[in-house]
C-alpha atoms as a PDB file:
ATOM      1  CA  MET A   1     -55.600-101.724 -88.902  1.00  0.00           C
ATOM      2  CA  GLN A   2     -56.793 -98.898 -91.192  1.00  0.00           C
ATOM      3  CA  GLU A   3     -54.230 -96.565 -89.621  1.00  0.00           C
ATOM      4  CA  HIS A   4     -51.499 -99.136 -90.274  1.00  0.00           C
ATOM      5  CA  LEU A   5     -52.550 -99.438 -93.896  1.00  0.00           C
ATOM      6  CA  GLU A   6     -52.449 -95.700 -94.481  1.00  0.00           C
ATOM      7  CA  THR A   7     -49.027 -95.465 -92.819  1.00  0.00           C
ATOM      8  CA  TYR A   8     -47.320 -98.417 -94.457  1.00  0.00           C
ATOM      9  CA  LEU A   9     -49.049 -98.785 -97.832  1.00  0.00           C
ATOM     10  CA  ARG A  10     -48.963 -96.661-100.977  1.00  0.00           C
ATOM     11  CA  MET A  11     -52.687 -95.991-100.969  1.00  0.00           C
ATOM     12  CA  GLU A  12     -52.568 -94.543-104.497  1.00  0.00           C
ATOM     13  CA  ARG A  13     -51.592 -98.017-105.773  1.00  0.00           C
ATOM     14  CA  LEU A  14     -54.811 -99.554-104.428  1.00  0.00           C
ATOM     15  CA  PRO A  15     -57.089-101.355-105.104  1.00  0.00           C
ATOM     16  CA  HIS A  16     -54.805-104.361-105.534  1.00  0.00           C
ATOM     17  CA  ILE A  17     -54.880-106.789-108.448  1.00  0.00           C
ATOM     18  CA  TRP A  18     -55.381-109.990-106.432  1.00  0.00           C
ATOM     19  CA  CYS A  19     -58.377-112.194-107.218  1.00  0.00           C
ATOM     20  CA  PRO A  20     -61.368-112.520-104.856  1.00  0.00           C
ATOM     21  CA  GLY A  21     -60.535-115.088-102.171  1.00  0.00           C
ATOM     22  CA  CYS A  22     -56.760-114.827-102.653  1.00  0.00           C
ATOM     23  CA  GLY A  23     -54.892-115.000 -99.347  1.00  0.00           C
ATOM     24  CA  ASN A  24     -52.016-112.746-100.379  1.00  0.00           C
ATOM     25  CA  GLY A  25     -53.648-109.681 -98.861  1.00  0.00           C
ATOM     26  CA  ILE A  26     -53.834-111.458 -95.504  1.00  0.00           C
ATOM     27  CA  VAL A  27     -50.095-112.200 -95.654  1.00  0.00           C
ATOM     28  CA  LEU A  28     -49.418-108.573 -96.551  1.00  0.00           C
ATOM     29  CA  GLY A  29     -51.572-107.458 -93.623  1.00  0.00           C
ATOM     30  CA  SER A  30     -49.669-109.727 -91.246  1.00  0.00           C
ATOM     31  CA  LEU A  31     -46.363-108.293 -92.456  1.00  0.00           C
ATOM     32  CA  VAL A  32     -47.557-104.713 -92.011  1.00  0.00           C
ATOM     33  CA  LYS A  33     -48.669-105.488 -88.444  1.00  0.00           C
ATOM     34  CA  ALA A  34     -45.350-107.236 -87.755  1.00  0.00           C
ATOM     35  CA  ILE A  35     -43.263-104.292 -88.957  1.00  0.00           C
ATOM     36  CA  HIS A  36     -45.413-101.928 -86.895  1.00  0.00           C
ATOM     37  CA  GLU A  37     -44.855-104.073 -83.794  1.00  0.00           C
ATOM     38  CA  LEU A  38     -41.119-104.210 -84.506  1.00  0.00           C
ATOM     39  CA  GLY A  39     -41.039-100.421 -84.685  1.00  0.00           C
ATOM     40  CA  TYR A  40     -38.761-100.373 -87.718  1.00  0.00           C
ATOM     41  CA  ASP A  41     -37.988 -97.079 -89.423  1.00  0.00           C
ATOM     42  CA  GLN A  42     -39.653 -97.134 -92.849  1.00  0.00           C
ATOM     43  CA  ASP A  43     -36.621 -95.433 -94.389  1.00  0.00           C
ATOM     44  CA  LYS A  44     -34.348 -98.188 -93.062  1.00  0.00           C
ATOM     45  CA  THR A  45     -36.565-101.110 -94.064  1.00  0.00           C
ATOM     46  CA  VAL A  46     -36.282-102.800 -97.456  1.00  0.00           C
ATOM     47  CA  ILE A  47     -38.920-104.991 -99.118  1.00  0.00           C
ATOM     48  CA  VAL A  48     -37.571-107.077-102.018  1.00  0.00           C
ATOM     49  CA  SER A  49     -39.730-109.259-104.241  1.00  0.00           C
ATOM     50  CA  GLY A  50     -39.386-111.323-107.390  1.00  0.00           C
ATOM     51  CA  ILE A  51     -42.105-111.989-109.961  1.00  0.00           C
ATOM     52  CA  GLY A  52     -45.548-113.439-109.340  1.00  0.00           C
ATOM     53  CA  CYS A  53     -48.854-112.622-107.661  1.00  0.00           C
ATOM     54  CA  SER A  54     -47.300-112.406-104.208  1.00  0.00           C
ATOM     55  CA  SER A  55     -44.400-110.303-105.427  1.00  0.00           C
ATOM     56  CA  ARG A  56     -46.774-107.487-106.328  1.00  0.00           C
ATOM     57  CA  ALA A  57     -46.958-106.826-102.566  1.00  0.00           C
ATOM     58  CA  ALA A  58     -43.695-104.863-102.714  1.00  0.00           C
ATOM     59  CA  GLY A  59     -45.293-102.273-104.977  1.00  0.00           C
ATOM     60  CA  TYR A  60     -48.075-101.629-102.475  1.00  0.00           C
ATOM     61  CA  MET A  61     -45.756-101.161 -99.488  1.00  0.00           C
ATOM     62  CA  ASP A  62     -44.350 -97.734 -98.569  1.00  0.00           C
ATOM     63  CA  PHE A  63     -40.771 -98.691 -97.743  1.00  0.00           C
ATOM     64  CA  ASN A  64     -37.582 -98.948 -99.798  1.00  0.00           C
ATOM     65  CA  THR A  65     -38.858-101.504-102.286  1.00  0.00           C
ATOM     66  CA  LEU A  66     -37.373-103.567-105.098  1.00  0.00           C
ATOM     67  CA  HIS A  67     -39.627-105.503-107.485  1.00  0.00           C
ATOM     68  CA  THR A  68     -36.968-107.606-109.195  1.00  0.00           C
ATOM     69  CA  THR A  69     -36.734-110.407-111.752  1.00  0.00           C
ATOM     70  CA  HIS A  70     -38.166-113.904-111.509  1.00  0.00           C
ATOM     71  CA  GLY A  71     -36.318-116.039-108.956  1.00  0.00           C
ATOM     72  CA  ARG A  72     -33.688-113.389-108.229  1.00  0.00           C
ATOM     73  CA  ALA A  73     -35.174-111.599-105.222  1.00  0.00           C
ATOM     74  CA  LEU A  74     -32.652-113.133-102.821  1.00  0.00           C
ATOM     75  CA  ALA A  75     -29.756-112.190-105.094  1.00  0.00           C
ATOM     76  CA  PHE A  76     -30.845-108.528-105.066  1.00  0.00           C
ATOM     77  CA  ALA A  77     -31.510-108.670-101.321  1.00  0.00           C
ATOM     78  CA  THR A  78     -28.036-110.092-100.740  1.00  0.00           C
ATOM     79  CA  GLY A  79     -26.519-107.104-102.549  1.00  0.00           C
ATOM     80  CA  VAL A  80     -28.587-104.678-100.476  1.00  0.00           C
ATOM     81  CA  LYS A  81     -27.618-106.319 -97.183  1.00  0.00           C
ATOM     82  CA  LEU A  82     -23.926-106.500 -98.082  1.00  0.00           C
ATOM     83  CA  ALA A  83     -23.854-102.830 -99.079  1.00  0.00           C
ATOM     84  CA  LYS A  84     -25.814-101.614 -96.041  1.00  0.00           C
ATOM     85  CA  PRO A  85     -25.889-104.280 -93.298  1.00  0.00           C
ATOM     86  CA  GLU A  86     -27.785-101.936 -90.965  1.00  0.00           C
ATOM     87  CA  LEU A  87     -30.949-102.125 -93.101  1.00  0.00           C
ATOM     88  CA  LYS A  88     -33.832-104.454 -92.202  1.00  0.00           C
ATOM     89  CA  VAL A  89     -34.492-106.646 -95.236  1.00  0.00           C
ATOM     90  CA  PHE A  90     -37.633-108.672 -95.987  1.00  0.00           C
ATOM     91  CA  VAL A  91     -37.781-110.825 -99.124  1.00  0.00           C
ATOM     92  CA  LEU A  92     -41.232-111.735-100.476  1.00  0.00           C
ATOM     93  CA  MET A  93     -41.454-114.702-102.848  1.00  0.00           C
ATOM     94  CA  GLY A  94     -43.978-117.198-104.157  1.00  0.00           C
ATOM     95  CA  ASP A  95     -43.496-120.957-104.005  1.00  0.00           C
ATOM     96  CA  GLY A  96     -42.314-121.195-107.598  1.00  0.00           C
ATOM     97  CA  ASP A  97     -40.307-117.971-107.435  1.00  0.00           C
ATOM     98  CA  ALA A  98     -38.403-119.182-104.355  1.00  0.00           C
ATOM     99  CA  THR A  99     -37.933-122.899-104.997  1.00  0.00           C
ATOM    100  CA  ALA A 100     -37.930-123.374-108.782  1.00  0.00           C
ATOM    101  CA  ILE A 101     -36.132-120.659-110.765  1.00  0.00           C
ATOM    102  CA  GLY A 102     -34.936-119.172-107.463  1.00  0.00           C
ATOM    103  CA  GLY A 103     -34.112-122.483-105.799  1.00  0.00           C
ATOM    104  CA  ASN A 104     -30.350-122.138-106.089  1.00  0.00           C
ATOM    105  CA  HIS A 105     -30.444-118.638-104.589  1.00  0.00           C
ATOM    106  CA  PHE A 106     -32.654-119.939-101.775  1.00  0.00           C
ATOM    107  CA  ILE A 107     -30.339-122.714-100.639  1.00  0.00           C
ATOM    108  CA  HIS A 108     -27.247-120.507-100.802  1.00  0.00           C
ATOM    109  CA  ALA A 109     -28.927-117.645 -98.934  1.00  0.00           C
ATOM    110  CA  ALA A 110     -29.756-120.179 -96.222  1.00  0.00           C
ATOM    111  CA  ARG A 111     -26.195-121.536 -96.293  1.00  0.00           C
ATOM    112  CA  ARG A 112     -24.692-118.069 -95.850  1.00  0.00           C
ATOM    113  CA  ASN A 113     -27.025-117.260 -92.941  1.00  0.00           C
ATOM    114  CA  MET A 114     -27.293-113.626 -93.937  1.00  0.00           C
ATOM    115  CA  ASP A 115     -29.503-111.617 -91.573  1.00  0.00           C
ATOM    116  CA  MET A 116     -32.716-111.199 -93.562  1.00  0.00           C
ATOM    117  CA  THR A 117     -36.264-112.545 -93.434  1.00  0.00           C
ATOM    118  CA  ALA A 118     -37.663-114.554 -96.352  1.00  0.00           C
ATOM    119  CA  ILE A 119     -41.449-114.826 -96.484  1.00  0.00           C
ATOM    120  CA  ILE A 120     -42.692-117.487 -98.883  1.00  0.00           C
ATOM    121  CA  PHE A 121     -46.299-117.127-100.067  1.00  0.00           C
ATOM    122  CA  ASN A 122     -47.091-120.810-100.680  1.00  0.00           C
ATOM    123  CA  ASN A 123     -50.272-121.192-102.700  1.00  0.00           C
ATOM    124  CA  ASN A 124     -49.035-124.449-104.303  1.00  0.00           C
ATOM    125  CA  ILE A 125     -49.189-123.072-107.851  1.00  0.00           C
ATOM    126  CA  TYR A 126     -47.830-120.509-110.313  1.00  0.00           C
ATOM    127  CA  GLY A 127     -50.849-118.216-110.055  1.00  0.00           C
ATOM    128  CA  MET A 128     -49.929-115.253-112.243  1.00  0.00           C
ATOM    129  CA  THR A 129     -48.006-116.947-115.044  1.00  0.00           C
ATOM    130  CA  GLY A 130     -50.553-119.562-116.089  1.00  0.00           C
ATOM    131  CA  GLY A 131     -51.311-122.075-113.350  1.00  0.00           C
ATOM    132  CA  GLN A 132     -48.281-124.334-113.795  1.00  0.00           C
ATOM    133  CA  TYR A 133     -47.330-126.638-110.921  1.00  0.00           C
ATOM    134  CA  SER A 134     -44.435-125.656-108.689  1.00  0.00           C
ATOM    135  CA  PRO A 135     -41.950-127.606-106.543  1.00  0.00           C
ATOM    136  CA  LEU A 136     -44.397-127.142-103.648  1.00  0.00           C
ATOM    137  CA  THR A 137     -47.495-128.459-105.452  1.00  0.00           C
ATOM    138  CA  PRO A 138     -48.618-131.641-103.645  1.00  0.00           C
ATOM    139  CA  GLU A 139     -48.595-134.935-105.531  1.00  0.00           C
ATOM    140  CA  ASP A 140     -51.604-135.764-107.714  1.00  0.00           C
ATOM    141  CA  ARG A 141     -52.844-132.168-107.896  1.00  0.00           C
ATOM    142  CA  ARG A 142     -53.890-130.685-111.215  1.00  0.00           C
ATOM    143  CA  ALA A 143     -52.270-127.741-112.951  1.00  0.00           C
ATOM    144  CA  THR A 144     -52.003-126.459-116.512  1.00  0.00           C
ATOM    145  CA  THR A 145     -48.738-128.386-116.837  1.00  0.00           C
ATOM    146  CA  ALA A 146     -50.200-131.415-115.055  1.00  0.00           C
ATOM    147  CA  PRO A 147     -53.759-131.833-116.405  1.00  0.00           C
ATOM    148  CA  TYR A 148     -53.903-135.418-115.081  1.00  0.00           C
ATOM    149  CA  GLY A 149     -52.214-134.657-111.772  1.00  0.00           C
ATOM    150  CA  THR A 150     -48.608-134.129-110.699  1.00  0.00           C
ATOM    151  CA  ILE A 151     -46.336-137.144-110.277  1.00  0.00           C
ATOM    152  CA  GLU A 152     -43.364-135.353-108.705  1.00  0.00           C
ATOM    153  CA  ARG A 153     -42.812-135.369-104.963  1.00  0.00           C
ATOM    154  CA  ASN A 154     -43.070-131.865-103.576  1.00  0.00           C
ATOM    155  CA  PHE A 155     -40.508-130.194-101.339  1.00  0.00           C
ATOM    156  CA  ASP A 156     -41.157-129.716 -97.656  1.00  0.00           C
ATOM    157  CA  LEU A 157     -40.011-126.084 -97.658  1.00  0.00           C
ATOM    158  CA  ALA A 158     -39.236-126.042 -93.941  1.00  0.00           C
ATOM    159  CA  GLU A 159     -37.033-129.131 -94.151  1.00  0.00           C
ATOM    160  CA  LEU A 160     -35.308-127.746 -97.247  1.00  0.00           C
ATOM    161  CA  ALA A 161     -34.552-124.459 -95.480  1.00  0.00           C
ATOM    162  CA  LYS A 162     -33.323-126.233 -92.359  1.00  0.00           C
ATOM    163  CA  ALA A 163     -31.074-128.615 -94.309  1.00  0.00           C
ATOM    164  CA  ALA A 164     -29.618-125.740 -96.354  1.00  0.00           C
ATOM    165  CA  GLY A 165     -28.597-123.820 -93.232  1.00  0.00           C
ATOM    166  CA  ALA A 166     -31.394-121.396 -92.330  1.00  0.00           C
ATOM    167  CA  THR A 167     -31.285-120.676 -88.599  1.00  0.00           C
ATOM    168  CA  TYR A 168     -34.968-119.796 -88.101  1.00  0.00           C
ATOM    169  CA  VAL A 169     -37.819-121.654 -89.814  1.00  0.00           C
ATOM    170  CA  ALA A 170     -41.530-121.224 -89.166  1.00  0.00           C
ATOM    171  CA  ARG A 171     -44.875-121.849 -90.851  1.00  0.00           C
ATOM    172  CA  SER A 172     -48.412-120.577 -90.530  1.00  0.00           C
ATOM    173  CA  THR A 173     -51.541-120.265 -92.639  1.00  0.00           C
ATOM    174  CA  THR A 174     -53.601-117.256 -93.633  1.00  0.00           C
ATOM    175  CA  TYR A 175     -56.404-118.604 -91.420  1.00  0.00           C
ATOM    176  CA  HIS A 176     -54.008-118.372 -88.456  1.00  0.00           C
ATOM    177  CA  ASN A 177     -53.026-114.806 -89.353  1.00  0.00           C
ATOM    178  CA  SER A 178     -52.333-113.695 -85.762  1.00  0.00           C
ATOM    179  CA  LEU A 179     -49.821-116.527 -85.448  1.00  0.00           C
ATOM    180  CA  LEU A 180     -48.378-115.554 -88.824  1.00  0.00           C
ATOM    181  CA  THR A 181     -47.752-112.026 -87.550  1.00  0.00           C
ATOM    182  CA  ARG A 182     -46.073-113.312 -84.384  1.00  0.00           C
ATOM    183  CA  LEU A 183     -43.816-115.605 -86.406  1.00  0.00           C
ATOM    184  CA  MET A 184     -42.811-112.741 -88.716  1.00  0.00           C
ATOM    185  CA  VAL A 185     -41.866-110.661 -85.675  1.00  0.00           C
ATOM    186  CA  ALA A 186     -39.791-113.510 -84.219  1.00  0.00           C
ATOM    187  CA  ALA A 187     -38.154-114.177 -87.587  1.00  0.00           C
ATOM    188  CA  ALA A 188     -37.145-110.527 -88.009  1.00  0.00           C
ATOM    189  CA  ARG A 189     -35.678-110.384 -84.497  1.00  0.00           C
ATOM    190  CA  HIS A 190     -33.641-113.535 -85.079  1.00  0.00           C
ATOM    191  CA  LYS A 191     -30.030-112.912 -86.103  1.00  0.00           C
ATOM    192  CA  GLY A 192     -29.515-114.879 -89.309  1.00  0.00           C
ATOM    193  CA  PHE A 193     -31.437-116.163 -92.314  1.00  0.00           C
ATOM    194  CA  SER A 194     -35.063-116.620 -91.305  1.00  0.00           C
ATOM    195  CA  VAL A 195     -37.777-118.331 -93.350  1.00  0.00           C
ATOM    196  CA  VAL A 196     -41.506-117.974 -92.764  1.00  0.00           C
ATOM    197  CA  GLU A 197     -43.724-120.136 -94.954  1.00  0.00           C
ATOM    198  CA  ALA A 198     -47.195-118.619 -95.299  1.00  0.00           C
ATOM    199  CA  ILE A 199     -49.744-121.153 -96.546  1.00  0.00           C
ATOM    200  CA  THR A 200     -52.157-119.116 -98.644  1.00  0.00           C
ATOM    201  CA  ALA A 201     -55.063-119.868-100.949  1.00  0.00           C
ATOM    202  CA  CYS A 202     -55.280-119.464-104.721  1.00  0.00           C
ATOM    203  CA  PRO A 203     -58.943-120.311-105.415  1.00  0.00           C
ATOM    204  CA  VAL A 204     -58.735-119.449-109.129  1.00  0.00           C
ATOM    205  CA  ALA A 205     -55.608-121.157-110.520  1.00  0.00           C
ATOM    206  CA  TYR A 206     -55.357-123.925-107.899  1.00  0.00           C
ATOM    207  CA  GLY A 207     -58.629-124.338-106.035  1.00  0.00           C
ATOM    208  CA  ARG A 208     -60.844-124.333-109.126  1.00  0.00           C
ATOM    209  CA  ARG A 209     -58.779-126.948-110.960  1.00  0.00           C
ATOM    210  CA  ASN A 210     -58.629-129.202-107.917  1.00  0.00           C
ATOM    211  CA  LYS A 211     -62.266-128.725-106.853  1.00  0.00           C
ATOM    212  CA  LEU A 212     -61.294-127.225-103.480  1.00  0.00           C
ATOM    213  CA  GLY A 213     -64.065-124.632-103.441  1.00  0.00           C
ATOM    214  CA  ASP A 214     -63.781-120.880-103.077  1.00  0.00           C
ATOM    215  CA  GLY A 215     -61.495-118.799-100.884  1.00  0.00           C
ATOM    216  CA  ALA A 216     -63.645-119.332 -97.790  1.00  0.00           C
ATOM    217  CA  ASP A 217     -63.628-123.103 -98.316  1.00  0.00           C
ATOM    218  CA  MET A 218     -59.850-123.103 -98.668  1.00  0.00           C
ATOM    219  CA  LEU A 219     -59.457-121.052 -95.478  1.00  0.00           C
ATOM    220  CA  LEU A 220     -61.659-123.557 -93.648  1.00  0.00           C
ATOM    221  CA  ALA A 221     -59.473-126.387 -94.968  1.00  0.00           C
ATOM    222  CA  GLN A 222     -56.411-124.621 -93.534  1.00  0.00           C
ATOM    223  CA  LYS A 223     -58.129-124.481 -90.148  1.00  0.00           C
ATOM    224  CA  GLU A 224     -59.155-128.132 -90.225  1.00  0.00           C
ATOM    225  CA  ASN A 225     -55.828-129.488 -91.492  1.00  0.00           C
ATOM    226  CA  ALA A 226     -53.426-127.437 -89.359  1.00  0.00           C
ATOM    227  CA  VAL A 227     -51.770-128.898 -86.265  1.00  0.00           C
ATOM    228  CA  THR A 228     -49.383-127.140 -83.929  1.00  0.00           C
ATOM    229  CA  VAL A 229     -45.791-128.234 -83.427  1.00  0.00           C
ATOM    230  CA  LYS A 230     -46.744-129.539 -79.982  1.00  0.00           C
ATOM    231  CA  GLN A 231     -49.652-131.553 -81.361  1.00  0.00           C
ATOM    232  CA  ALA A 232     -47.439-132.962 -84.105  1.00  0.00           C
ATOM    233  CA  GLU A 233     -44.955-134.298 -81.551  1.00  0.00           C
ATOM    234  CA  SER A 234     -47.475-136.902 -80.398  1.00  0.00           C
ATOM    235  CA  MET A 235     -48.703-137.846 -83.872  1.00  0.00           C
ATOM    236  CA  GLY A 236     -47.386-140.630 -86.089  1.00  0.00           C
ATOM    237  CA  LYS A 237     -46.327-140.317 -89.714  1.00  0.00           C
ATOM    238  CA  ASP A 238     -49.658-141.615 -91.021  1.00  0.00           C
ATOM    239  CA  GLU A 239     -51.589-139.212 -88.792  1.00  0.00           C
ATOM    240  CA  LEU A 240     -49.546-136.285 -90.080  1.00  0.00           C
ATOM    241  CA  ALA A 241     -50.149-137.115 -93.749  1.00  0.00           C
ATOM    242  CA  GLY A 242     -51.922-134.168 -95.346  1.00  0.00           C
ATOM    243  CA  LYS A 243     -51.608-132.023 -92.222  1.00  0.00           C
ATOM    244  CA  ILE A 244     -50.010-128.578 -92.025  1.00  0.00           C
ATOM    245  CA  VAL A 245     -47.648-128.267 -89.067  1.00  0.00           C
ATOM    246  CA  ILE A 246     -47.658-124.646 -87.892  1.00  0.00           C
ATOM    247  CA  GLY A 247     -45.508-122.677 -85.462  1.00  0.00           C
ATOM    248  CA  GLU A 248     -41.778-122.303 -84.889  1.00  0.00           C
ATOM    249  CA  LEU A 249     -40.250-125.364 -86.546  1.00  0.00           C
ATOM    250  CA  TYR A 250     -36.532-124.762 -86.053  1.00  0.00           C
ATOM    251  CA  GLN A 251     -34.169-122.289 -84.443  1.00  0.00           C
ATOM    252  CA  ALA A 252     -30.377-122.349 -84.163  1.00  0.00           C
ATOM    253  CA  GLU A 253     -27.382-120.058 -83.900  1.00  0.00           C
ATOM    254  CA  ALA A 254     -24.613-119.709 -86.498  1.00  0.00           C
ATOM    255  CA  PRO A 255     -22.171-117.011 -87.661  1.00  0.00           C
ATOM    256  CA  GLU A 256     -23.938-114.260 -89.602  1.00  0.00           C
ATOM    257  CA  TYR A 257     -22.531-113.541 -93.044  1.00  0.00           C
ATOM    258  CA  THR A 258     -22.374-109.739 -93.094  1.00  0.00           C
ATOM    259  CA  GLU A 259     -20.520-109.668 -89.762  1.00  0.00           C
ATOM    260  CA  LEU A 260     -17.954-112.134 -91.108  1.00  0.00           C
ATOM    261  CA  TYR A 261     -17.673-110.076 -94.291  1.00  0.00           C
ATOM    262  CA  GLN A 262     -17.003-106.923 -92.280  1.00  0.00           C
ATOM    263  CA  GLN A 263     -14.157-108.751 -90.516  1.00  0.00           C
ATOM    264  CA  ILE A 264     -12.647-109.580 -93.921  1.00  0.00           C
ATOM    265  CA  ILE A 265     -12.871-105.903 -94.916  1.00  0.00           C
ATOM    266  CA  GLN A 266     -11.197-104.814 -91.675  1.00  0.00           C
ATOM    267  CA  ARG A 267      -8.374-107.322 -92.136  1.00  0.00           C
ATOM    268  CA  ALA A 268      -7.846-106.166 -95.713  1.00  0.00           C
ATOM    269  CA  GLN A 269      -7.789-102.518 -94.648  1.00  0.00           C
ATOM    270  CA  ALA A 270      -5.327-103.296 -91.858  1.00  0.00           C
ATOM    271  CA  ARG A 271      -2.994-105.010 -94.329  1.00  0.00           C
ATOM    272  CA  ALA A 272      -3.305-102.113 -96.778  1.00  0.00           C
ATOM    273  CA  SER A 273      -2.491 -99.557 -94.074  1.00  0.00           C
ATOM    274  CA  LYS A 274       0.729-101.467 -93.338  1.00  0.00           C
ATOM    275  CA  GLY A 275       1.677-101.457 -97.012  1.00  0.00           C
ATOM    276  CA  CYS A 276       1.212-105.211 -97.359  1.00  0.00           C
ATOM    277  CA  ASN A 277       0.184-106.799-100.649  1.00  0.00           C
END
């Protein structure tokens, strides 16, 4: 792993800024191992991120990287992929970054089915910007903007992605980091918009307020509450309450946006060459 880190990370940017017990480094490690397994050329791989704790990962990674504005990572990534469809694009976002201010971009990126991989670091909270609750914060959890507990129903990110048109959807936890790596590899190889939800721990902004213990305690909770897709198939709704279903959740085929866009360009060029308006 040390060799991978020295190859794929900007070592001069380390040590990182993440808090003790934060799971973001585990997600970053899984992504590095996935890209190494995929054998992608670093000069033809793009890492795009928005704003937030997780989005700092782009700055540590030695690829073509864009650390963009809050909620707009997918908009920037869309421009990159349209301009150079041959590039491999990974988009790193937090739960609030992707589904609150970036929610509209998320559903339309899924709808277009553009060939890129979105990795959502879901720590159930806005960690960097003050501990506010996000659209993925479970009901009745405390946050700076919900001191007596949240009353809003949270999104199921996987179901949201599936309904919006994503053609590959998967989920893992930082405890199950080997599975997380395998899912990232499968997502990148899939032709279309792929979403990998990485359940990660924020022991400072989320765990402390909700009395969930330290980072090790939160990792143990991921282990104890996770069930595989196969296990979930034989469980009822009540049994699944509070559980984290991990694995490949959905896969389908659909036209890929940049290929369709190239066809439009070719048709327009053909008309222009014939002198048509």
